Amino acid sequence: MTTSTSTTERADLLELLQAHRHFLRFTVQGISDQQARERTTVSELTLGGLIKHVSRIEAEWARFTTEGPSAVAPPADEAGYADWADGHRLLPDETLAGVLAEYEEVAARTDELVRTLDLDASFPLPEAPWFPPGARRSVRRTFLHIAAETAQHSGHADILRESLDGQKTMG
């Protein structure tokens, strides 16, 4: 049986996303909400905040693959920046279990998009200092960006967790 490149590519993208999500979720296994809020390094990062941030970023970039640049546009005002900052913290009324459940829902939506969208379709990136003027991003490249972002933050989470209680994701 011959497998089409598209089917193989989609399977590879799904495997990549799922592997990095697994490592990130594994890192917070067994910690309390209080531990998820603790700053364990000089950084502002917390384990709960990282899960929440990665979930939000994945959701935004997944929406980009169907809605275009408005899904990932920089905040337009002070309230938008405040919401963006809150997206990096596990707030007092939030739980680690709650943000992990939301992350599962986001992942399921993204995975469905990987299975169904035209990977060659592309959208312009919004105007922002961190994007080149006039740049575009394909749906394929967007899913790779989500995987890279998740992997990067999994590394941050490893450092935070090891600083918290010595637990290591690998090794």
N, C-alpha and C. Protein backbone atom coordinates (compact mmCIF):
# COMPACT_ATOMS: atom_id res chain seq x y z
N MET A 1 0.85 -1.18 0.00
CA MET A 1 0.00 0.00 0.00
C MET A 1 0.89 1.24 0.00
N THR A 2 0.61 2.17 -0.87
CA THR A 2 1.36 3.41 -0.96
C THR A 2 0.65 4.49 -0.16
N THR A 3 1.43 5.21 0.64
CA THR A 3 0.88 6.30 1.43
C THR A 3 1.24 7.61 0.74
N SER A 4 0.26 8.48 0.60
CA SER A 4 0.54 9.75 -0.05
C SER A 4 1.43 10.62 0.83
N THR A 5 2.19 11.47 0.19
CA THR A 5 3.06 12.39 0.92
C THR A 5 2.24 13.23 1.89
N SER A 6 1.08 13.67 1.47
CA SER A 6 0.24 14.49 2.32
C SER A 6 -0.17 13.74 3.59
N THR A 7 -0.56 12.48 3.43
CA THR A 7 -0.96 11.68 4.58
C THR A 7 0.22 11.47 5.52
N THR A 8 1.37 11.15 4.96
CA THR A 8 2.59 10.96 5.75
C THR A 8 2.99 12.26 6.43
N GLU A 9 2.93 13.34 5.72
CA GLU A 9 3.29 14.63 6.29
C GLU A 9 2.35 15.01 7.43
N ARG A 10 1.08 14.80 7.23
CA ARG A 10 0.10 15.10 8.29
C ARG A 10 0.37 14.23 9.52
N ALA A 11 0.66 12.95 9.31
CA ALA A 11 0.96 12.05 10.42
C ALA A 11 2.22 12.51 11.15
N ASP A 12 3.21 12.95 10.40
CA ASP A 12 4.45 13.46 11.01
C ASP A 12 4.18 14.72 11.82
N LEU A 13 3.38 15.63 11.29
CA LEU A 13 3.05 16.85 12.02
C LEU A 13 2.30 16.53 13.32
N LEU A 14 1.33 15.62 13.23
CA LEU A 14 0.57 15.23 14.42
C LEU A 14 1.48 14.59 15.46
N GLU A 15 2.36 13.72 15.02
CA GLU A 15 3.29 13.06 15.95
C GLU A 15 4.20 14.08 16.63
N LEU A 16 4.70 15.03 15.87
CA LEU A 16 5.57 16.08 16.41
C LEU A 16 4.83 16.91 17.46
N LEU A 17 3.63 17.36 17.12
CA LEU A 17 2.84 18.16 18.06
C LEU A 17 2.52 17.36 19.32
N GLN A 18 2.07 16.14 19.15
CA GLN A 18 1.68 15.32 20.29
C GLN A 18 2.85 14.99 21.19
N ALA A 19 4.02 14.75 20.62
CA ALA A 19 5.21 14.44 21.43
C ALA A 19 5.59 15.63 22.31
N HIS A 20 5.63 16.82 21.73
CA HIS A 20 6.03 17.99 22.52
C HIS A 20 4.98 18.38 23.55
N ARG A 21 3.71 18.22 23.20
CA ARG A 21 2.66 18.47 24.19
C ARG A 21 2.78 17.49 25.36
N HIS A 22 3.08 16.24 25.05
CA HIS A 22 3.23 15.23 26.09
C HIS A 22 4.34 15.63 27.08
N PHE A 23 5.48 16.04 26.56
CA PHE A 23 6.59 16.42 27.45
C PHE A 23 6.19 17.60 28.33
N LEU A 24 5.50 18.57 27.77
CA LEU A 24 5.08 19.73 28.56
C LEU A 24 4.10 19.31 29.65
N ARG A 25 3.11 18.52 29.31
CA ARG A 25 2.14 18.06 30.32
C ARG A 25 2.80 17.17 31.36
N PHE A 26 3.73 16.32 30.94
CA PHE A 26 4.43 15.43 31.86
C PHE A 26 5.18 16.22 32.92
N THR A 27 5.71 17.36 32.53
CA THR A 27 6.51 18.18 33.44
C THR A 27 5.70 18.67 34.63
N VAL A 28 4.41 18.87 34.48
CA VAL A 28 3.60 19.38 35.58
C VAL A 28 2.85 18.28 36.33
N GLN A 29 3.10 17.05 35.97
CA GLN A 29 2.43 15.92 36.60
C GLN A 29 2.71 15.90 38.10
N GLY A 30 1.63 15.79 38.89
CA GLY A 30 1.77 15.62 40.32
C GLY A 30 2.02 16.87 41.15
N ILE A 31 1.93 18.05 40.55
CA ILE A 31 2.14 19.26 41.35
C ILE A 31 0.79 19.88 41.72
N SER A 32 0.82 20.67 42.76
CA SER A 32 -0.39 21.35 43.23
C SER A 32 -0.59 22.67 42.49
N ASP A 33 -1.76 23.26 42.67
CA ASP A 33 -2.00 24.58 42.08
C ASP A 33 -1.02 25.60 42.64
N GLN A 34 -0.74 25.51 43.93
CA GLN A 34 0.22 26.43 44.54
C GLN A 34 1.59 26.28 43.90
N GLN A 35 2.04 25.05 43.72
CA GLN A 35 3.33 24.82 43.07
C GLN A 35 3.31 25.32 41.63
N ALA A 36 2.18 25.19 40.97
CA ALA A 36 2.06 25.65 39.58
C ALA A 36 2.18 27.17 39.49
N ARG A 37 1.95 27.88 40.59
CA ARG A 37 2.04 29.34 40.62
C ARG A 37 3.41 29.85 41.09
N GLU A 38 4.24 28.96 41.60
CA GLU A 38 5.51 29.37 42.19
C GLU A 38 6.54 29.78 41.13
N ARG A 39 7.20 30.89 41.41
CA ARG A 39 8.37 31.29 40.62
C ARG A 39 9.57 30.60 41.24
N THR A 40 10.23 29.77 40.48
CA THR A 40 11.36 29.01 41.03
C THR A 40 12.71 29.50 40.52
N THR A 41 12.69 30.48 39.63
CA THR A 41 13.92 31.07 39.11
C THR A 41 13.73 32.59 39.13
N VAL A 42 14.71 33.33 38.65
CA VAL A 42 14.59 34.78 38.60
C VAL A 42 13.56 35.23 37.57
N SER A 43 13.18 34.33 36.70
CA SER A 43 12.18 34.63 35.68
C SER A 43 10.79 34.78 36.30
N GLU A 44 9.91 35.44 35.59
CA GLU A 44 8.51 35.54 35.99
C GLU A 44 7.74 34.26 35.67
N LEU A 45 8.36 33.36 34.92
CA LEU A 45 7.67 32.15 34.47
C LEU A 45 7.30 31.23 35.61
N THR A 46 6.13 30.63 35.50
CA THR A 46 5.68 29.58 36.41
C THR A 46 5.19 28.41 35.56
N LEU A 47 5.11 27.25 36.18
CA LEU A 47 4.66 26.07 35.43
C LEU A 47 3.22 26.23 34.95
N GLY A 48 2.34 26.70 35.80
CA GLY A 48 0.95 26.91 35.39
C GLY A 48 0.83 27.98 34.32
N GLY A 49 1.62 29.04 34.47
CA GLY A 49 1.62 30.10 33.47
C GLY A 49 2.11 29.62 32.11
N LEU A 50 3.11 28.75 32.11
CA LEU A 50 3.60 28.20 30.84
C LEU A 50 2.55 27.37 30.13
N ILE A 51 1.86 26.51 30.89
CA ILE A 51 0.80 25.69 30.27
C ILE A 51 -0.26 26.60 29.67
N LYS A 52 -0.68 27.59 30.44
CA LYS A 52 -1.72 28.51 29.97
C LYS A 52 -1.24 29.28 28.74
N HIS A 53 -0.01 29.76 28.77
CA HIS A 53 0.54 30.51 27.63
C HIS A 53 0.61 29.64 26.38
N VAL A 54 1.16 28.44 26.51
CA VAL A 54 1.29 27.56 25.35
C VAL A 54 -0.08 27.23 24.77
N SER A 55 -1.05 27.00 25.63
CA SER A 55 -2.41 26.72 25.16
C SER A 55 -2.97 27.91 24.38
N ARG A 56 -2.82 29.10 24.93
CA ARG A 56 -3.33 30.30 24.26
C ARG A 56 -2.63 30.54 22.92
N ILE A 57 -1.32 30.38 22.92
CA ILE A 57 -0.56 30.62 21.69
C ILE A 57 -0.95 29.59 20.63
N GLU A 58 -1.08 28.33 21.02
CA GLU A 58 -1.50 27.32 20.05
C GLU A 58 -2.88 27.66 19.49
N ALA A 59 -3.80 28.06 20.37
CA ALA A 59 -5.15 28.41 19.91
C ALA A 59 -5.11 29.57 18.92
N GLU A 60 -4.31 30.59 19.22
CA GLU A 60 -4.21 31.75 18.32
C GLU A 60 -3.64 31.36 16.97
N TRP A 61 -2.53 30.61 16.97
CA TRP A 61 -1.92 30.22 15.70
C TRP A 61 -2.81 29.24 14.93
N ALA A 62 -3.54 28.40 15.62
CA ALA A 62 -4.48 27.51 14.93
C ALA A 62 -5.58 28.34 14.27
N ARG A 63 -6.07 29.36 14.96
CA ARG A 63 -7.07 30.25 14.35
C ARG A 63 -6.48 30.99 13.15
N PHE A 64 -5.21 31.31 13.21
CA PHE A 64 -4.54 31.96 12.07
C PHE A 64 -4.70 31.11 10.81
N THR A 65 -4.67 29.79 10.94
CA THR A 65 -4.75 28.90 9.77
C THR A 65 -6.12 28.93 9.12
N THR A 66 -7.12 29.50 9.79
CA THR A 66 -8.45 29.59 9.21
C THR A 66 -8.95 31.03 9.09
N GLU A 67 -8.45 31.91 9.94
CA GLU A 67 -8.95 33.29 9.97
C GLU A 67 -7.95 34.33 9.46
N GLY A 68 -6.67 33.97 9.44
CA GLY A 68 -5.68 34.91 8.97
C GLY A 68 -5.08 35.79 10.06
N PRO A 69 -4.49 36.91 9.66
CA PRO A 69 -3.65 37.70 10.55
C PRO A 69 -4.31 38.26 11.80
N SER A 70 -5.60 38.50 11.78
CA SER A 70 -6.24 39.08 12.97
C SER A 70 -6.13 38.15 14.18
N ALA A 71 -5.98 36.86 13.96
CA ALA A 71 -5.89 35.89 15.05
C ALA A 71 -4.61 36.03 15.86
N VAL A 72 -3.56 36.57 15.26
CA VAL A 72 -2.27 36.69 15.95
C VAL A 72 -1.76 38.12 15.99
N ALA A 73 -2.64 39.07 15.76
CA ALA A 73 -2.24 40.48 15.79
C ALA A 73 -1.86 40.89 17.21
N PRO A 74 -0.89 41.78 17.34
CA PRO A 74 -0.51 42.25 18.67
C PRO A 74 -1.69 42.96 19.34
N PRO A 75 -1.70 42.99 20.67
CA PRO A 75 -2.78 43.71 21.36
C PRO A 75 -2.85 45.16 20.89
N ALA A 76 -4.06 45.65 20.81
CA ALA A 76 -4.28 46.99 20.26
C ALA A 76 -4.27 48.08 21.33
N ASP A 77 -4.44 47.69 22.60
CA ASP A 77 -4.55 48.72 23.63
C ASP A 77 -4.06 48.16 24.97
N GLU A 78 -4.15 48.99 26.00
CA GLU A 78 -3.68 48.60 27.32
C GLU A 78 -4.42 47.39 27.86
N ALA A 79 -5.73 47.32 27.65
CA ALA A 79 -6.52 46.17 28.11
C ALA A 79 -6.05 44.90 27.41
N GLY A 80 -5.72 45.01 26.15
CA GLY A 80 -5.22 43.85 25.41
C GLY A 80 -3.88 43.37 25.95
N TYR A 81 -3.02 44.32 26.32
CA TYR A 81 -1.73 43.94 26.90
C TYR A 81 -1.90 43.34 28.29
N ALA A 82 -2.86 43.83 29.06
CA ALA A 82 -3.14 43.26 30.38
C ALA A 82 -3.62 41.82 30.24
N ASP A 83 -4.50 41.57 29.27
CA ASP A 83 -4.98 40.22 29.02
C ASP A 83 -3.83 39.32 28.57
N TRP A 84 -2.96 39.86 27.72
CA TRP A 84 -1.79 39.11 27.25
C TRP A 84 -0.91 38.73 28.44
N ALA A 85 -0.68 39.67 29.36
CA ALA A 85 0.14 39.39 30.54
C ALA A 85 -0.52 38.33 31.41
N ASP A 86 -1.84 38.40 31.58
CA ASP A 86 -2.57 37.41 32.37
C ASP A 86 -2.49 36.03 31.73
N GLY A 87 -2.26 35.98 30.44
CA GLY A 87 -2.11 34.72 29.73
C GLY A 87 -0.84 33.98 30.07
N HIS A 88 0.03 34.61 30.86
CA HIS A 88 1.29 34.00 31.28
C HIS A 88 1.26 33.61 32.76
N ARG A 89 0.11 33.78 33.41
CA ARG A 89 0.00 33.50 34.85
C ARG A 89 -1.22 32.63 35.12
N LEU A 90 -1.05 31.75 36.10
CA LEU A 90 -2.19 30.99 36.60
C LEU A 90 -2.84 31.88 37.65
N LEU A 91 -3.99 32.43 37.32
CA LEU A 91 -4.66 33.40 38.18
C LEU A 91 -5.29 32.71 39.38
N PRO A 92 -5.60 33.47 40.44
CA PRO A 92 -6.14 32.86 41.67
C PRO A 92 -7.39 32.02 41.47
N ASP A 93 -8.23 32.37 40.52
CA ASP A 93 -9.46 31.60 40.29
C ASP A 93 -9.27 30.46 39.28
N GLU A 94 -8.05 30.21 38.83
CA GLU A 94 -7.76 29.16 37.87
C GLU A 94 -7.03 28.00 38.56
N THR A 95 -7.17 26.84 37.98
CA THR A 95 -6.47 25.66 38.49
C THR A 95 -5.60 25.07 37.39
N LEU A 96 -4.59 24.35 37.81
CA LEU A 96 -3.75 23.66 36.84
C LEU A 96 -4.58 22.65 36.05
N ALA A 97 -5.46 21.93 36.75
CA ALA A 97 -6.33 20.96 36.05
C ALA A 97 -7.19 21.67 35.01
N GLY A 98 -7.68 22.85 35.33
CA GLY A 98 -8.50 23.61 34.39
C GLY A 98 -7.74 24.04 33.15
N VAL A 99 -6.51 24.54 33.33
CA VAL A 99 -5.75 24.97 32.15
C VAL A 99 -5.27 23.76 31.35
N LEU A 100 -5.00 22.64 32.02
CA LEU A 100 -4.65 21.43 31.28
C LEU A 100 -5.84 20.92 30.46
N ALA A 101 -7.03 21.00 31.02
CA ALA A 101 -8.23 20.58 30.28
C ALA A 101 -8.45 21.48 29.06
N GLU A 102 -8.27 22.77 29.25
CA GLU A 102 -8.40 23.71 28.12
C GLU A 102 -7.34 23.39 27.05
N TYR A 103 -6.13 23.08 27.50
CA TYR A 103 -5.05 22.75 26.57
C TYR A 103 -5.41 21.50 25.76
N GLU A 104 -6.03 20.51 26.38
CA GLU A 104 -6.47 19.31 25.66
C GLU A 104 -7.48 19.66 24.57
N GLU A 105 -8.40 20.55 24.88
CA GLU A 105 -9.41 20.99 23.90
C GLU A 105 -8.74 21.73 22.74
N VAL A 106 -7.82 22.61 23.07
CA VAL A 106 -7.08 23.35 22.03
C VAL A 106 -6.32 22.37 21.14
N ALA A 107 -5.64 21.42 21.75
CA ALA A 107 -4.86 20.44 20.99
C ALA A 107 -5.76 19.62 20.05
N ALA A 108 -6.91 19.23 20.53
CA ALA A 108 -7.83 18.45 19.69
C ALA A 108 -8.28 19.27 18.48
N ARG A 109 -8.57 20.56 18.70
CA ARG A 109 -8.97 21.42 17.57
C ARG A 109 -7.82 21.58 16.58
N THR A 110 -6.61 21.80 17.09
CA THR A 110 -5.45 21.94 16.21
C THR A 110 -5.23 20.65 15.42
N ASP A 111 -5.29 19.52 16.09
CA ASP A 111 -5.07 18.24 15.41
C ASP A 111 -6.08 18.03 14.27
N GLU A 112 -7.31 18.44 14.50
CA GLU A 112 -8.31 18.32 13.43
C GLU A 112 -7.95 19.21 12.25
N LEU A 113 -7.43 20.38 12.52
CA LEU A 113 -7.00 21.28 11.44
C LEU A 113 -5.82 20.67 10.67
N VAL A 114 -4.88 20.06 11.39
CA VAL A 114 -3.75 19.40 10.71
C VAL A 114 -4.27 18.32 9.76
N ARG A 115 -5.30 17.61 10.18
CA ARG A 115 -5.85 16.53 9.36
C ARG A 115 -6.60 17.04 8.13
N THR A 116 -7.11 18.26 8.17
CA THR A 116 -8.06 18.68 7.13
C THR A 116 -7.66 19.88 6.27
N LEU A 117 -6.83 20.76 6.76
CA LEU A 117 -6.54 21.98 6.00
C LEU A 117 -5.54 21.75 4.89
N ASP A 118 -5.57 22.63 3.92
CA ASP A 118 -4.58 22.65 2.84
C ASP A 118 -3.29 23.20 3.43
N LEU A 119 -2.28 22.37 3.54
CA LEU A 119 -1.03 22.78 4.18
C LEU A 119 -0.28 23.85 3.38
N ASP A 120 -0.58 23.96 2.10
CA ASP A 120 0.08 24.96 1.26
C ASP A 120 -0.60 26.33 1.29
N ALA A 121 -1.80 26.40 1.83
CA ALA A 121 -2.48 27.69 1.94
C ALA A 121 -1.63 28.61 2.81
N SER A 122 -1.72 29.91 2.56
CA SER A 122 -0.94 30.83 3.38
C SER A 122 -1.72 32.11 3.62
N PHE A 123 -1.30 32.82 4.65
CA PHE A 123 -1.91 34.09 5.04
C PHE A 123 -0.81 35.10 5.29
N PRO A 124 -1.12 36.38 5.11
CA PRO A 124 -0.14 37.40 5.48
C PRO A 124 -0.03 37.45 7.01
N LEU A 125 1.17 37.72 7.48
CA LEU A 125 1.35 37.93 8.92
C LEU A 125 0.93 39.35 9.26
N PRO A 126 0.44 39.60 10.47
CA PRO A 126 0.04 40.96 10.82
C PRO A 126 1.25 41.87 10.92
N GLU A 127 1.00 43.15 10.83
CA GLU A 127 2.09 44.10 11.04
C GLU A 127 2.50 44.05 12.49
N ALA A 128 3.76 43.78 12.72
CA ALA A 128 4.32 43.73 14.07
C ALA A 128 5.84 43.84 13.94
N PRO A 129 6.50 44.40 14.94
CA PRO A 129 7.96 44.57 14.86
C PRO A 129 8.72 43.25 14.71
N TRP A 130 8.12 42.14 15.12
CA TRP A 130 8.81 40.86 15.06
C TRP A 130 8.55 40.07 13.79
N PHE A 131 7.72 40.61 12.89
CA PHE A 131 7.49 39.98 11.59
C PHE A 131 8.04 40.89 10.49
N PRO A 132 8.69 40.32 9.48
CA PRO A 132 9.15 41.15 8.36
C PRO A 132 7.95 41.76 7.63
N PRO A 133 8.09 42.97 7.14
CA PRO A 133 6.98 43.60 6.40
C PRO A 133 6.58 42.73 5.20
N GLY A 134 5.29 42.56 5.04
CA GLY A 134 4.77 41.82 3.89
C GLY A 134 4.95 40.31 3.95
N ALA A 135 5.38 39.77 5.08
CA ALA A 135 5.63 38.34 5.19
C ALA A 135 4.33 37.54 5.22
N ARG A 136 4.44 36.31 4.77
CA ARG A 136 3.31 35.37 4.80
C ARG A 136 3.78 34.11 5.51
N ARG A 137 2.82 33.33 5.99
CA ARG A 137 3.14 32.06 6.62
C ARG A 137 2.15 31.03 6.11
N SER A 138 2.69 29.89 5.68
CA SER A 138 1.82 28.80 5.23
C SER A 138 1.20 28.10 6.43
N VAL A 139 0.14 27.38 6.17
CA VAL A 139 -0.50 26.57 7.20
C VAL A 139 0.51 25.55 7.73
N ARG A 140 1.25 24.93 6.85
CA ARG A 140 2.29 23.96 7.23
C ARG A 140 3.28 24.60 8.19
N ARG A 141 3.83 25.75 7.81
CA ARG A 141 4.81 26.45 8.64
C ARG A 141 4.20 26.87 9.97
N THR A 142 2.93 27.18 9.99
CA THR A 142 2.25 27.56 11.23
C THR A 142 2.21 26.39 12.20
N PHE A 143 1.90 25.19 11.70
CA PHE A 143 1.87 24.03 12.58
C PHE A 143 3.28 23.70 13.09
N LEU A 144 4.29 23.90 12.25
CA LEU A 144 5.67 23.70 12.70
C LEU A 144 6.04 24.74 13.77
N HIS A 145 5.54 25.96 13.60
CA HIS A 145 5.78 27.01 14.60
C HIS A 145 5.16 26.62 15.94
N ILE A 146 3.95 26.09 15.92
CA ILE A 146 3.30 25.65 17.16
C ILE A 146 4.15 24.57 17.84
N ALA A 147 4.65 23.63 17.08
CA ALA A 147 5.49 22.56 17.66
C ALA A 147 6.77 23.14 18.25
N ALA A 148 7.39 24.08 17.53
CA ALA A 148 8.63 24.69 18.02
C ALA A 148 8.38 25.48 19.30
N GLU A 149 7.30 26.23 19.32
CA GLU A 149 6.94 27.02 20.50
C GLU A 149 6.70 26.08 21.70
N THR A 150 6.01 24.98 21.47
CA THR A 150 5.73 24.03 22.54
C THR A 150 7.03 23.40 23.04
N ALA A 151 7.92 23.02 22.13
CA ALA A 151 9.19 22.43 22.52
C ALA A 151 10.03 23.41 23.33
N GLN A 152 10.07 24.66 22.90
CA GLN A 152 10.85 25.67 23.61
C GLN A 152 10.33 25.83 25.03
N HIS A 153 9.03 25.92 25.18
CA HIS A 153 8.46 26.11 26.50
C HIS A 153 8.52 24.84 27.35
N SER A 154 8.59 23.68 26.72
CA SER A 154 8.81 22.44 27.47
C SER A 154 10.18 22.49 28.16
N GLY A 155 11.16 23.03 27.46
CA GLY A 155 12.48 23.20 28.06
C GLY A 155 12.45 24.16 29.24
N HIS A 156 11.70 25.26 29.08
CA HIS A 156 11.56 26.19 30.21
C HIS A 156 10.91 25.47 31.39
N ALA A 157 9.86 24.70 31.10
CA ALA A 157 9.14 23.99 32.16
C ALA A 157 10.06 22.99 32.87
N ASP A 158 10.93 22.33 32.14
CA ASP A 158 11.88 21.39 32.77
C ASP A 158 12.74 22.11 33.81
N ILE A 159 13.23 23.28 33.45
CA ILE A 159 14.08 24.05 34.37
C ILE A 159 13.27 24.46 35.60
N LEU A 160 12.06 24.95 35.38
CA LEU A 160 11.22 25.37 36.50
C LEU A 160 10.90 24.20 37.43
N ARG A 161 10.55 23.06 36.85
CA ARG A 161 10.19 21.90 37.66
C ARG A 161 11.41 21.39 38.44
N GLU A 162 12.55 21.33 37.80
CA GLU A 162 13.74 20.87 38.50
C GLU A 162 14.09 21.83 39.65
N SER A 163 13.88 23.11 39.43
CA SER A 163 14.12 24.10 40.49
C SER A 163 13.09 23.98 41.61
N LEU A 164 11.89 23.54 41.27
CA LEU A 164 10.81 23.40 42.25
C LEU A 164 11.06 22.24 43.21
N ASP A 165 11.33 21.05 42.65
CA ASP A 165 11.42 19.88 43.52
C ASP A 165 12.42 18.83 43.04
N GLY A 166 13.26 19.20 42.09
CA GLY A 166 14.29 18.26 41.61
C GLY A 166 13.81 17.30 40.55
N GLN A 167 12.50 17.28 40.27
CA GLN A 167 11.95 16.35 39.27
C GLN A 167 12.43 16.75 37.88
N LYS A 168 12.80 15.74 37.08
CA LYS A 168 13.24 15.95 35.70
C LYS A 168 12.31 15.21 34.77
N THR A 169 11.98 15.82 33.63
CA THR A 169 11.15 15.16 32.64
C THR A 169 11.90 13.99 32.02
N MET A 170 13.15 14.22 31.71
CA MET A 170 13.97 13.17 31.11
C MET A 170 15.31 13.16 31.83
N GLY A 171 15.85 12.00 32.07
CA GLY A 171 17.18 11.92 32.65
C GLY A 171 17.21 11.72 34.13
